[in-house]
Amino acid sequence: LFGALATPYARLPIQQTRPDYTYTPQPPYYR
C-alpha cells in the first residue's frame, strides 16, 4: 500500500504478522 511510508516500519518484526498499512500514520481505509 504505502511502501514509501511503510519502509521504516516494515523493518519491525511485527510486520510479519500485521500488514504495512497498520504502521502507516494514515491508513488507506481511514481516509
PDB file of N, CA and C in Angstrom:
ATOM      1  N   LEU A   1       0.852  -1.193   0.000  1.00  0.00           N
ATOM      2  CA  LEU A   1       0.000   0.000   0.000  1.00  0.00           C
ATOM      3  C   LEU A   1       0.888   1.243   0.000  1.00  0.00           C
ATOM      4  N   PHE A   2       1.239   1.723   1.195  1.00  0.00           N
ATOM      5  CA  PHE A   2       2.155   2.865   1.249  1.00  0.00           C
ATOM      6  C   PHE A   2       3.566   2.341   1.501  1.00  0.00           C
ATOM      7  N   GLY A   3       4.201   1.909   0.447  1.00  0.00           N
ATOM      8  CA  GLY A   3       5.533   1.328   0.579  1.00  0.00           C
ATOM      9  C   GLY A   3       6.545   2.349   1.057  1.00  0.00           C
ATOM     10  N   ALA A   4       6.397   3.585   0.570  1.00  0.00           N
ATOM     11  CA  ALA A   4       7.355   4.640   0.924  1.00  0.00           C
ATOM     12  C   ALA A   4       7.282   4.949   2.417  1.00  0.00           C
ATOM     13  N   LEU A   5       6.066   4.946   2.961  1.00  0.00           N
ATOM     14  CA  LEU A   5       5.893   5.265   4.379  1.00  0.00           C
ATOM     15  C   LEU A   5       6.127   4.028   5.237  1.00  0.00           C
ATOM     16  N   ALA A   6       5.874   2.882   4.642  1.00  0.00           N
ATOM     17  CA  ALA A   6       5.977   1.638   5.405  1.00  0.00           C
ATOM     18  C   ALA A   6       7.403   1.098   5.409  1.00  0.00           C
ATOM     19  N   THR A   7       8.281   1.759   4.655  1.00  0.00           N
ATOM     20  CA  THR A   7       9.668   1.287   4.565  1.00  0.00           C
ATOM     21  C   THR A   7      10.346   1.234   5.930  1.00  0.00           C
ATOM     22  N   PRO A   8      10.342   2.313   6.716  1.00  0.00           N
ATOM     23  CA  PRO A   8      10.974   2.286   8.040  1.00  0.00           C
ATOM     24  C   PRO A   8      10.201   1.396   9.021  1.00  0.00           C
ATOM     25  N   TYR A   9       8.908   1.254   8.779  1.00  0.00           N
ATOM     26  CA  TYR A   9       8.076   0.466   9.686  1.00  0.00           C
ATOM     27  C   TYR A   9       8.167  -1.021   9.351  1.00  0.00           C
ATOM     28  N   ALA A  10       8.441  -1.306   8.083  1.00  0.00           N
ATOM     29  CA  ALA A  10       8.489  -2.704   7.643  1.00  0.00           C
ATOM     30  C   ALA A  10       9.658  -3.437   8.281  1.00  0.00           C
ATOM     31  N   ARG A  11      10.615  -2.682   8.828  1.00  0.00           N
ATOM     32  CA  ARG A  11      11.783  -3.302   9.453  1.00  0.00           C
ATOM     33  C   ARG A  11      11.423  -3.927  10.795  1.00  0.00           C
ATOM     34  N   LEU A  12      10.259  -3.600  11.321  1.00  0.00           N
ATOM     35  CA  LEU A  12       9.825  -4.154  12.600  1.00  0.00           C
ATOM     36  C   LEU A  12       9.471  -5.630  12.435  1.00  0.00           C
ATOM     37  N   PRO A  13       9.758  -6.448  13.451  1.00  0.00           N
ATOM     38  CA  PRO A  13       9.485  -7.885  13.396  1.00  0.00           C
ATOM     39  C   PRO A  13       7.986  -8.184  13.344  1.00  0.00           C
ATOM     40  N   ILE A  14       7.190  -7.251  13.841  1.00  0.00           N
ATOM     41  CA  ILE A  14       5.739  -7.451  13.874  1.00  0.00           C
ATOM     42  C   ILE A  14       5.158  -7.345  12.463  1.00  0.00           C
ATOM     43  N   GLN A  15       5.946  -6.799  11.545  1.00  0.00           N
ATOM     44  CA  GLN A  15       5.468  -6.614  10.175  1.00  0.00           C
ATOM     45  C   GLN A  15       5.068  -7.953   9.561  1.00  0.00           C
ATOM     46  N   GLN A  16       5.684  -9.026  10.052  1.00  0.00           N
ATOM     47  CA  GLN A  16       5.396 -10.356   9.526  1.00  0.00           C
ATOM     48  C   GLN A  16       3.963 -10.772   9.859  1.00  0.00           C
ATOM     49  N   THR A  17       3.470 -10.302  10.996  1.00  0.00           N
ATOM     50  CA  THR A  17       2.120 -10.682  11.413  1.00  0.00           C
ATOM     51  C   THR A  17       1.080  -9.685  10.918  1.00  0.00           C
ATOM     52  N   ARG A  18       1.445  -8.411  10.918  1.00  0.00           N
ATOM     53  CA  ARG A  18       0.480  -7.396  10.507  1.00  0.00           C
ATOM     54  C   ARG A  18       0.954  -6.678   9.247  1.00  0.00           C
ATOM     55  N   PRO A  19       0.022  -6.354   8.363  1.00  0.00           N
ATOM     56  CA  PRO A  19       0.328  -5.689   7.091  1.00  0.00           C
ATOM     57  C   PRO A  19       0.942  -4.314   7.295  1.00  0.00           C
ATOM     58  N   ASP A  20       1.511  -3.758   6.229  1.00  0.00           N
ATOM     59  CA  ASP A  20       2.235  -2.493   6.333  1.00  0.00           C
ATOM     60  C   ASP A  20       1.300  -1.318   6.595  1.00  0.00           C
ATOM     61  N   TYR A  21       0.046  -1.422   6.140  1.00  0.00           N
ATOM     62  CA  TYR A  21      -0.863  -0.288   6.300  1.00  0.00           C
ATOM     63  C   TYR A  21      -1.185  -0.027   7.770  1.00  0.00           C
ATOM     64  N   THR A  22      -0.949  -1.029   8.615  1.00  0.00           N
ATOM     65  CA  THR A  22      -1.227  -0.859  10.041  1.00  0.00           C
ATOM     66  C   THR A  22      -0.222   0.099  10.673  1.00  0.00           C
ATOM     67  N   TYR A  23       0.963   0.195  10.064  1.00  0.00           N
ATOM     68  CA  TYR A  23       2.026   1.020  10.631  1.00  0.00           C
ATOM     69  C   TYR A  23       1.985   2.441  10.073  1.00  0.00           C
ATOM     70  N   THR A  24       1.327   2.612   8.925  1.00  0.00           N
ATOM     71  CA  THR A  24       1.273   3.931   8.302  1.00  0.00           C
ATOM     72  C   THR A  24       0.456   4.890   9.156  1.00  0.00           C
ATOM     73  N   PRO A  25       0.880   6.151   9.263  1.00  0.00           N
ATOM     74  CA  PRO A  25       0.192   7.156  10.073  1.00  0.00           C
ATOM     75  C   PRO A  25      -1.249   7.372   9.608  1.00  0.00           C
ATOM     76  N   GLN A  26      -1.471   7.289   8.289  1.00  0.00           N
ATOM     77  CA  GLN A  26      -2.816   7.449   7.740  1.00  0.00           C
ATOM     78  C   GLN A  26      -3.155   6.255   6.857  1.00  0.00           C
ATOM     79  N   PRO A  27      -3.795   5.241   7.429  1.00  0.00           N
ATOM     80  CA  PRO A  27      -4.177   4.036   6.695  1.00  0.00           C
ATOM     81  C   PRO A  27      -5.141   4.366   5.553  1.00  0.00           C
ATOM     82  N   PRO A  28      -5.131   3.592   4.481  1.00  0.00           N
ATOM     83  CA  PRO A  28      -5.994   3.814   3.312  1.00  0.00           C
ATOM     84  C   PRO A  28      -7.476   3.742   3.662  1.00  0.00           C
ATOM     85  N   TYR A  29      -7.827   2.859   4.580  1.00  0.00           N
ATOM     86  CA  TYR A  29      -9.238   2.710   4.935  1.00  0.00           C
ATOM     87  C   TYR A  29      -9.697   3.837   5.851  1.00  0.00           C
ATOM     88  N   TYR A  30      -8.725   4.514   6.465  1.00  0.00           N
ATOM     89  CA  TYR A  30      -9.076   5.623   7.359  1.00  0.00           C
ATOM     90  C   TYR A  30      -9.495   6.839   6.548  1.00  0.00           C
ATOM     91  N   ARG A  31      -8.882   6.985   5.386  1.00  0.00           N
ATOM     92  CA  ARG A  31      -9.182   8.121   4.523  1.00  0.00           C
ATOM     93  C   ARG A  31     -10.403   7.769   3.676  1.00  0.00           C
TER      94      ARG A  31
END
